[in-house]
N, C-alpha and C. Protein backbone atom coordinates (compact mmCIF):
# COMPACT_ATOMS: atom_id res chain seq x y z
N MET A 1 -35.66 23.35 23.81
CA MET A 1 -34.27 23.35 25.30
C MET A 1 -33.72 22.17 25.70
N ILE A 2 -32.15 22.57 25.19
CA ILE A 2 -31.16 21.89 24.98
C ILE A 2 -30.71 20.80 26.38
N ILE A 3 -30.93 19.62 26.67
CA ILE A 3 -30.86 18.31 28.13
C ILE A 3 -29.38 18.52 27.31
N PRO A 4 -28.90 18.63 29.50
CA PRO A 4 -27.26 17.94 28.70
C PRO A 4 -27.02 16.43 28.49
N SER A 5 -28.31 15.57 27.49
CA SER A 5 -27.35 14.51 28.05
C SER A 5 -27.41 14.66 25.87
N GLN A 6 -27.76 15.96 25.68
CA GLN A 6 -28.20 16.28 23.77
C GLN A 6 -26.73 17.27 23.75
N ILE A 7 -25.45 17.48 24.81
CA ILE A 7 -23.74 17.98 25.02
C ILE A 7 -23.34 17.74 24.54
N GLU A 8 -23.78 16.24 25.56
CA GLU A 8 -23.08 15.18 25.25
C GLU A 8 -22.83 14.14 23.56
N ASP A 9 -23.74 15.44 23.18
CA ASP A 9 -23.57 14.83 21.73
C ASP A 9 -23.31 15.56 21.15
N ILE A 10 -22.68 16.76 21.75
CA ILE A 10 -21.51 18.22 20.73
C ILE A 10 -21.04 18.07 20.99
N VAL A 11 -20.83 17.69 22.13
CA VAL A 11 -19.46 18.05 22.30
C VAL A 11 -18.89 17.21 24.20
N VAL A 12 -17.64 16.51 22.89
CA VAL A 12 -17.38 15.78 24.20
C VAL A 12 -15.50 16.14 23.89
N SER A 13 -14.94 15.04 25.13
CA SER A 13 -13.92 15.04 25.46
C SER A 13 -13.33 14.00 25.31
N ASP A 14 -12.34 13.74 24.58
CA ASP A 14 -11.03 12.25 24.55
C ASP A 14 -9.42 12.42 24.21
N GLN A 15 -9.01 10.93 25.89
CA GLN A 15 -7.51 12.07 26.29
C GLN A 15 -6.97 11.27 24.85
N GLU A 16 -7.41 11.18 23.92
CA GLU A 16 -6.36 11.56 22.35
C GLU A 16 -6.82 12.22 21.63
N VAL A 17 -7.44 13.12 21.26
CA VAL A 17 -7.72 14.17 20.96
C VAL A 17 -7.91 15.90 21.56
N LEU A 18 -6.63 16.56 21.81
CA LEU A 18 -6.31 17.60 21.94
C LEU A 18 -6.07 17.39 23.94
N GLY A 19 -5.17 16.19 23.42
CA GLY A 19 -5.13 16.29 25.72
C GLY A 19 -6.19 16.24 26.48
N GLY A 20 -7.88 15.41 25.81
CA GLY A 20 -9.08 16.14 27.00
C GLY A 20 -10.17 17.16 27.49
N THR A 21 -8.96 18.32 25.95
CA THR A 21 -9.96 19.63 25.61
C THR A 21 -11.44 18.67 25.68
N PRO A 22 -12.71 19.32 26.10
CA PRO A 22 -13.84 19.28 25.52
C PRO A 22 -13.51 19.76 24.16
N CYS A 23 -13.69 19.69 23.22
CA CYS A 23 -14.52 20.17 21.08
C CYS A 23 -15.90 19.51 21.28
N PHE A 24 -15.74 20.33 20.00
CA PHE A 24 -16.57 19.69 19.64
C PHE A 24 -16.79 18.71 18.68
N ILE A 25 -17.16 17.60 18.71
CA ILE A 25 -17.15 16.15 17.92
C ILE A 25 -17.49 16.24 16.13
N GLY A 26 -16.85 15.82 16.30
CA GLY A 26 -15.75 14.93 15.25
C GLY A 26 -15.28 15.69 14.44
N THR A 27 -14.37 16.59 15.24
CA THR A 27 -13.15 17.98 14.87
C THR A 27 -12.58 18.20 16.51
N ARG A 28 -11.01 19.17 15.76
CA ARG A 28 -10.69 19.79 16.64
C ARG A 28 -10.93 20.78 18.25
N VAL A 29 -11.08 21.13 17.49
CA VAL A 29 -12.10 22.21 17.40
C VAL A 29 -12.96 22.66 18.99
N PRO A 30 -11.82 22.92 19.58
CA PRO A 30 -11.93 22.81 21.65
C PRO A 30 -13.48 23.92 21.44
N LEU A 31 -13.85 23.94 22.56
CA LEU A 31 -15.13 25.18 22.47
C LEU A 31 -14.32 25.80 22.59
N THR A 32 -13.78 25.92 24.01
CA THR A 32 -13.32 27.60 24.41
C THR A 32 -13.11 28.43 23.07
N THR A 33 -12.67 28.05 21.84
CA THR A 33 -12.71 29.00 20.98
C THR A 33 -14.30 29.33 20.49
N PHE A 34 -14.41 28.79 20.52
CA PHE A 34 -15.81 29.65 20.22
C PHE A 34 -16.57 30.25 21.18
N LEU A 35 -16.26 29.80 22.34
CA LEU A 35 -16.78 30.99 23.78
C LEU A 35 -15.91 31.95 23.57
N ASP A 36 -14.14 32.25 22.96
CA ASP A 36 -13.99 33.44 22.39
C ASP A 36 -14.56 33.79 21.64
N HIS A 37 -14.49 33.59 20.81
CA HIS A 37 -14.71 34.40 19.33
C HIS A 37 -16.32 35.01 20.05
N VAL A 38 -18.04 34.22 20.73
CA VAL A 38 -18.81 34.95 21.06
C VAL A 38 -18.64 35.98 21.73
N GLU A 39 -18.04 35.47 22.92
CA GLU A 39 -17.34 36.25 23.63
C GLU A 39 -16.37 38.68 23.36
N ALA A 40 -16.23 38.34 22.59
CA ALA A 40 -15.40 39.61 21.92
C ALA A 40 -16.82 39.35 21.06
N GLY A 41 -17.27 38.89 20.67
CA GLY A 41 -18.70 39.42 19.66
C GLY A 41 -18.40 39.75 18.68
N TYR A 42 -17.72 38.57 18.39
CA TYR A 42 -17.63 37.86 17.03
C TYR A 42 -19.11 37.60 17.22
N SER A 43 -20.09 37.35 16.22
CA SER A 43 -21.18 36.73 15.50
C SER A 43 -20.47 35.22 15.16
N PRO A 44 -21.28 33.90 14.94
CA PRO A 44 -21.59 32.78 15.11
C PRO A 44 -21.35 32.73 14.27
N ASP A 45 -21.99 32.51 13.58
CA ASP A 45 -21.53 32.69 11.24
C ASP A 45 -19.87 33.00 11.52
N ARG A 46 -18.97 34.21 11.58
CA ARG A 46 -17.83 34.60 11.58
C ARG A 46 -17.53 33.24 12.29
N PHE A 47 -17.19 32.69 13.25
CA PHE A 47 -16.23 31.58 14.18
C PHE A 47 -16.73 30.43 13.14
N LEU A 48 -17.49 30.15 12.46
CA LEU A 48 -17.99 29.32 11.56
C LEU A 48 -17.00 29.50 10.03
N ARG A 49 -16.67 30.52 9.39
CA ARG A 49 -16.17 30.66 8.09
C ARG A 49 -15.35 29.76 9.02
N GLY A 50 -14.90 30.63 9.85
CA GLY A 50 -13.06 30.40 9.73
C GLY A 50 -13.16 29.01 10.44
N TYR A 51 -14.30 28.58 11.06
CA TYR A 51 -13.77 26.72 11.42
C TYR A 51 -15.00 25.59 10.59
N SER A 52 -15.25 26.12 9.59
CA SER A 52 -15.89 24.28 8.89
C SER A 52 -16.46 23.43 9.32
N SER A 53 -15.22 22.83 9.73
CA SER A 53 -16.15 21.66 10.60
C SER A 53 -16.16 21.73 11.77
N VAL A 54 -17.26 22.63 11.89
CA VAL A 54 -17.87 22.88 13.34
C VAL A 54 -19.17 22.81 12.42
N GLN A 55 -20.03 21.82 12.41
CA GLN A 55 -21.95 22.06 12.04
C GLN A 55 -22.59 23.50 13.15
N ARG A 56 -23.22 24.05 11.79
CA ARG A 56 -23.64 24.80 12.20
C ARG A 56 -24.99 24.80 13.59
N ASP A 57 -25.60 24.12 12.80
CA ASP A 57 -26.54 23.04 15.07
C ASP A 57 -26.08 23.26 15.74
N HIS A 58 -24.94 22.65 15.62
CA HIS A 58 -23.66 22.75 16.81
C HIS A 58 -23.72 22.90 17.40
N ALA A 59 -22.89 24.13 16.66
CA ALA A 59 -23.25 25.56 17.61
C ALA A 59 -23.96 26.00 18.22
N LYS A 60 -25.08 26.37 17.25
CA LYS A 60 -26.65 26.88 17.83
C LYS A 60 -27.46 26.50 19.38
N ALA A 61 -26.58 24.65 19.80
CA ALA A 61 -27.53 23.98 20.36
C ALA A 61 -26.54 25.20 21.68
N VAL A 62 -25.15 24.46 21.80
CA VAL A 62 -24.24 25.17 22.28
C VAL A 62 -24.71 26.29 23.20
N LEU A 63 -24.82 27.57 22.56
CA LEU A 63 -25.77 28.98 22.75
C LEU A 63 -26.44 28.71 23.44
N GLU A 64 -27.77 27.79 23.20
CA GLU A 64 -28.71 27.74 23.22
C GLU A 64 -28.12 26.52 24.54
N TRP A 65 -27.68 26.43 24.77
CA TRP A 65 -27.90 25.54 25.90
C TRP A 65 -26.99 26.69 26.81
N LEU A 66 -26.25 26.99 27.56
CA LEU A 66 -25.32 28.95 27.48
C LEU A 66 -26.12 29.52 28.24
N SER A 67 -27.54 29.47 27.74
CA SER A 67 -27.86 30.89 27.90
C SER A 67 -28.67 30.04 29.04
N ASP A 68 -29.68 28.37 28.66
CA ASP A 68 -30.23 27.95 29.73
C ASP A 68 -29.85 27.39 31.60
N GLU A 69 -28.64 27.61 30.45
CA GLU A 69 -27.59 27.13 32.37
C GLU A 69 -27.56 28.57 32.13
N SER A 70 -27.58 29.36 32.27
CA SER A 70 -27.12 31.12 32.16
C SER A 70 -28.57 31.23 32.92
N ARG A 71 -29.63 30.92 33.06
CA ARG A 71 -30.36 32.45 33.34
C ARG A 71 -30.72 30.72 34.95
N ARG A 72 -31.07 28.94 34.09
CA ARG A 72 -30.85 28.39 35.94
C ARG A 72 -29.62 29.46 36.55
N SER A 73 -29.01 29.11 36.51
CA SER A 73 -27.62 29.62 37.45
C SER A 73 -28.60 31.28 38.13
N VAL A 74 -28.56 31.62 37.11
CA VAL A 74 -29.55 32.88 38.26
C VAL A 74 -30.46 32.84 38.74
N GLY A 75 -32.01 31.89 38.79
CA GLY A 75 -32.68 31.72 38.67
C GLY A 75 -33.84 31.98 37.80
N LEU A 76 -33.65 32.54 36.60
CA LEU A 76 -34.48 33.54 35.87
C LEU A 76 -35.45 31.93 35.30
N ALA A 77 -35.04 31.09 35.13
CA ALA A 77 -35.28 29.68 34.21
C ALA A 77 -36.91 29.32 34.71
N VAL A 78 -38.14 29.38 33.82
CA VAL A 78 -39.14 29.11 33.59
C VAL A 78 -39.64 27.63 34.35
N ALA A 79 -40.42 27.38 34.88
CA ALA A 79 -39.97 25.38 35.07
C ALA A 79 -41.52 24.89 33.41
N SER A 80 -40.63 23.96 32.60
CA SER A 80 -41.12 23.35 31.61
C SER A 80 -42.18 22.56 31.96
């Protein structure tokens, strides 16, 4: 399970980088670009082929975190 503090180590917002748009750390790749690819049905691997500056484990962690957050928002999270 990814906790919010870990996401802060993966996704950062810096006014000097794309005007503060949340991006994968160490890149200029917006999180929304990744989410748009996933929502369009593309695999994370396809995204990573096009955005090689994003680390595979970072993309995987974001997907895991979003899944956890989604379950929590609809009351399906199991207490850990």
